[in-house]
Structure formats: C-alpha cells, structure tokens
Amino acid sequence: EKKAPLAVHIFVDSMTAVGGSQFIKSDACGDYETYLQNEVIEAVEKELSISSKPRERCVIGASSGGYGAL
C-alpha cells in the first residue's frame, strides 16, 4: 500500500525578544541548545510516549532550524 507510518511532528517556537534564535547557547538570547537537547526532547518522550531509540526518530529543520537540528 506504500503508506507512511504514523508520525508525531513537534514544532519549536524559537522567537525571542530580539528575534529568532539560532538554537545555540547564547548569553544574549538564552541557552536554546541545552533547552532543546534536554528539556524539550525529555518532555516530548514523556508526554507522548515517543521512542528514545535514535533509529526511530528524525530531526529536521530549515535555515536556523537546520542548525538547531544538527
């Protein structure tokens, strides 16, 4: 049938008081890097029963979001 498997999509709002975040650790805008790596992923795994297996996840982004995905 070539159907795509069920997926959960999480969109992170990275706007700060001075504009968009580059998803980095910044004294000016905040520690978005650690926030995404630790708090956001942990909360998503807990609240939505998402697998923690790397082969079952995909993180993507465009422009600054691509940097954040790295």
N, C-alpha and C. Protein backbone atom coordinates (compact mmCIF):
# COMPACT_ATOMS: atom_id res chain seq x y z
N GLU A 1 0.82 -1.21 0.00
CA GLU A 1 0.00 0.00 0.00
C GLU A 1 0.85 1.26 0.00
N LYS A 2 2.12 1.15 0.36
CA LYS A 2 3.05 2.27 0.39
C LYS A 2 2.57 3.44 1.25
N LYS A 3 2.03 3.13 2.41
CA LYS A 3 1.56 4.16 3.32
C LYS A 3 2.69 4.54 4.29
N ALA A 4 2.77 5.79 4.60
CA ALA A 4 3.77 6.26 5.56
C ALA A 4 3.34 5.84 6.97
N PRO A 5 4.29 5.50 7.84
CA PRO A 5 3.94 5.14 9.21
C PRO A 5 3.46 6.37 9.99
N LEU A 6 2.74 6.11 11.06
CA LEU A 6 2.27 7.17 11.94
C LEU A 6 3.47 7.98 12.45
N ALA A 7 3.34 9.28 12.49
CA ALA A 7 4.43 10.14 12.93
C ALA A 7 3.91 11.27 13.81
N VAL A 8 4.76 11.75 14.70
CA VAL A 8 4.47 12.90 15.54
C VAL A 8 5.39 14.02 15.09
N HIS A 9 4.83 15.19 14.86
CA HIS A 9 5.62 16.35 14.43
C HIS A 9 5.61 17.38 15.55
N ILE A 10 6.78 17.82 15.96
CA ILE A 10 6.92 18.82 17.02
C ILE A 10 7.54 20.07 16.40
N PHE A 11 6.90 21.20 16.56
CA PHE A 11 7.42 22.46 16.04
C PHE A 11 7.81 23.34 17.22
N VAL A 12 9.07 23.76 17.24
CA VAL A 12 9.59 24.55 18.35
C VAL A 12 9.53 26.04 17.98
N ASP A 13 8.87 26.83 18.83
CA ASP A 13 8.82 28.28 18.64
C ASP A 13 10.11 28.86 19.19
N SER A 14 10.93 29.39 18.33
CA SER A 14 12.25 29.88 18.76
C SER A 14 12.35 31.40 18.76
N MET A 15 11.23 32.07 18.77
CA MET A 15 11.28 33.53 18.77
C MET A 15 11.65 34.05 20.16
N THR A 16 12.54 35.01 20.18
CA THR A 16 12.98 35.64 21.42
C THR A 16 12.59 37.12 21.37
N ALA A 17 12.90 37.84 22.43
CA ALA A 17 12.58 39.27 22.48
C ALA A 17 13.35 40.06 21.41
N VAL A 18 14.46 39.49 20.92
CA VAL A 18 15.27 40.21 19.93
C VAL A 18 15.20 39.54 18.54
N GLY A 19 14.26 38.65 18.36
CA GLY A 19 14.12 37.96 17.07
C GLY A 19 14.26 36.46 17.23
N GLY A 20 14.48 35.77 16.15
CA GLY A 20 14.58 34.32 16.17
C GLY A 20 15.89 33.82 16.76
N SER A 21 15.85 32.66 17.35
CA SER A 21 17.03 32.04 17.93
C SER A 21 17.81 31.28 16.87
N GLN A 22 19.08 31.15 17.06
CA GLN A 22 19.91 30.31 16.20
C GLN A 22 20.08 28.93 16.83
N PHE A 23 19.31 28.62 17.86
CA PHE A 23 19.37 27.34 18.57
C PHE A 23 20.76 27.07 19.13
N ILE A 24 21.37 28.11 19.68
CA ILE A 24 22.70 27.97 20.26
C ILE A 24 22.66 28.41 21.72
N LYS A 25 23.74 28.20 22.41
CA LYS A 25 23.88 28.70 23.79
C LYS A 25 24.37 30.13 23.69
N SER A 26 23.52 31.07 24.08
CA SER A 26 23.83 32.48 23.90
C SER A 26 23.54 33.26 25.17
N ASP A 27 24.48 34.09 25.59
CA ASP A 27 24.25 34.95 26.75
C ASP A 27 23.17 35.98 26.44
N ALA A 28 23.05 36.39 25.19
CA ALA A 28 22.09 37.42 24.81
C ALA A 28 20.67 36.89 24.70
N CYS A 29 20.49 35.69 24.12
CA CYS A 29 19.14 35.17 23.84
C CYS A 29 18.73 34.01 24.73
N GLY A 30 19.69 33.34 25.35
CA GLY A 30 19.37 32.21 26.20
C GLY A 30 20.05 30.94 25.72
N ASP A 31 19.91 29.90 26.51
CA ASP A 31 20.56 28.63 26.22
C ASP A 31 19.60 27.69 25.49
N TYR A 32 19.29 28.02 24.25
CA TYR A 32 18.36 27.23 23.46
C TYR A 32 18.91 25.84 23.16
N GLU A 33 20.20 25.72 22.99
CA GLU A 33 20.81 24.42 22.66
C GLU A 33 20.51 23.39 23.76
N THR A 34 20.83 23.73 25.00
CA THR A 34 20.59 22.82 26.12
C THR A 34 19.10 22.60 26.34
N TYR A 35 18.32 23.66 26.19
CA TYR A 35 16.87 23.56 26.35
C TYR A 35 16.28 22.53 25.39
N LEU A 36 16.67 22.58 24.12
CA LEU A 36 16.16 21.62 23.14
C LEU A 36 16.66 20.21 23.44
N GLN A 37 17.95 20.08 23.70
CA GLN A 37 18.54 18.75 23.91
C GLN A 37 18.01 18.06 25.15
N ASN A 38 17.80 18.81 26.19
CA ASN A 38 17.41 18.20 27.46
C ASN A 38 15.92 18.31 27.75
N GLU A 39 15.41 19.51 27.85
CA GLU A 39 14.04 19.70 28.31
C GLU A 39 12.97 19.37 27.27
N VAL A 40 13.12 19.84 26.04
CA VAL A 40 12.08 19.61 25.04
C VAL A 40 11.99 18.13 24.68
N ILE A 41 13.11 17.51 24.37
CA ILE A 41 13.09 16.10 23.99
C ILE A 41 12.56 15.23 25.13
N GLU A 42 13.01 15.50 26.34
CA GLU A 42 12.55 14.74 27.51
C GLU A 42 11.04 14.89 27.70
N ALA A 43 10.53 16.09 27.58
CA ALA A 43 9.09 16.33 27.75
C ALA A 43 8.28 15.63 26.67
N VAL A 44 8.76 15.68 25.44
CA VAL A 44 8.05 15.02 24.33
C VAL A 44 8.02 13.51 24.55
N GLU A 45 9.16 12.93 24.91
CA GLU A 45 9.22 11.49 25.16
C GLU A 45 8.27 11.08 26.29
N LYS A 46 8.20 11.90 27.32
CA LYS A 46 7.35 11.58 28.47
C LYS A 46 5.86 11.76 28.16
N GLU A 47 5.51 12.89 27.60
CA GLU A 47 4.10 13.22 27.37
C GLU A 47 3.46 12.42 26.24
N LEU A 48 4.23 12.10 25.22
CA LEU A 48 3.66 11.46 24.04
C LEU A 48 4.11 10.01 23.86
N SER A 49 4.80 9.46 24.84
CA SER A 49 5.31 8.09 24.76
C SER A 49 6.08 7.84 23.47
N ILE A 50 6.96 8.78 23.14
CA ILE A 50 7.79 8.69 21.94
C ILE A 50 9.00 7.81 22.25
N SER A 51 9.40 7.00 21.31
CA SER A 51 10.57 6.14 21.48
C SER A 51 11.84 6.98 21.62
N SER A 52 12.75 6.51 22.46
CA SER A 52 14.03 7.20 22.61
C SER A 52 15.11 6.57 21.72
N LYS A 53 14.74 5.61 20.90
CA LYS A 53 15.70 4.95 20.01
C LYS A 53 16.05 5.88 18.84
N PRO A 54 17.33 6.16 18.65
CA PRO A 54 17.73 7.06 17.56
C PRO A 54 17.23 6.62 16.18
N ARG A 55 17.15 5.33 15.91
CA ARG A 55 16.72 4.87 14.59
C ARG A 55 15.23 5.08 14.35
N GLU A 56 14.51 5.48 15.39
CA GLU A 56 13.07 5.71 15.26
C GLU A 56 12.72 7.20 15.32
N ARG A 57 13.71 8.04 15.07
CA ARG A 57 13.43 9.48 15.15
C ARG A 57 14.17 10.22 14.05
N CYS A 58 13.62 11.34 13.69
CA CYS A 58 14.22 12.19 12.66
C CYS A 58 14.06 13.64 13.12
N VAL A 59 15.14 14.37 13.10
CA VAL A 59 15.10 15.78 13.48
C VAL A 59 15.54 16.58 12.27
N ILE A 60 14.69 17.47 11.81
CA ILE A 60 15.00 18.27 10.64
C ILE A 60 14.67 19.74 10.89
N GLY A 61 15.17 20.59 10.04
CA GLY A 61 14.86 22.00 10.13
C GLY A 61 15.39 22.72 8.90
N ALA A 62 14.91 23.91 8.69
CA ALA A 62 15.35 24.73 7.57
C ALA A 62 15.98 26.00 8.10
N SER A 63 16.97 26.49 7.44
CA SER A 63 17.67 27.71 7.81
C SER A 63 18.23 27.56 9.23
N SER A 64 17.87 28.42 10.15
CA SER A 64 18.35 28.32 11.53
C SER A 64 17.88 27.03 12.18
N GLY A 65 16.72 26.55 11.80
CA GLY A 65 16.21 25.29 12.31
C GLY A 65 17.07 24.12 11.89
N GLY A 66 17.69 24.21 10.73
CA GLY A 66 18.62 23.19 10.28
C GLY A 66 19.84 23.14 11.19
N TYR A 67 20.31 24.29 11.58
CA TYR A 67 21.43 24.37 12.53
C TYR A 67 21.00 23.75 13.86
N GLY A 68 19.80 24.08 14.29
CA GLY A 68 19.29 23.52 15.54
C GLY A 68 19.15 22.01 15.47
N ALA A 69 18.77 21.49 14.31
CA ALA A 69 18.62 20.04 14.15
C ALA A 69 19.96 19.33 14.27
N LEU A 70 21.01 20.01 13.82
CA LEU A 70 22.33 19.39 13.94
C LEU A 70 22.70 19.20 15.38
